[in-house]
Amino acid sequence: MDRDFDARAPSPGMAQISVRIPDAVRLTGLSRAKIYQLIARGDLEIAKVGRSTVVIASSLQEFIAARRTRRIPEP
């Protein structure tokens, strides 16, 4: 068996559709508590799978993209 294979990783050419809470924390740099606050406010979409909670990846990307800012250098 290939030790480098990760069954949780998406196949090449296939986008990941959801991430678990620890992955959302790692990907965004936000705290676990903040991720749960955003879920409670409805800012992030989730799905429950058994006892697991997964964050919909597109929801996470849209949330971050909507808050992107560019600093304008002062003259």
Foldseek 3Di string as FASTA:
>chain_A
DDPPDDPQDDDVPDDDFWAFLVVLCVVPVDDSVVVVVCVVVVQWDWDDDPPTIITGVVSSVVSVVVPDDDDDDDD
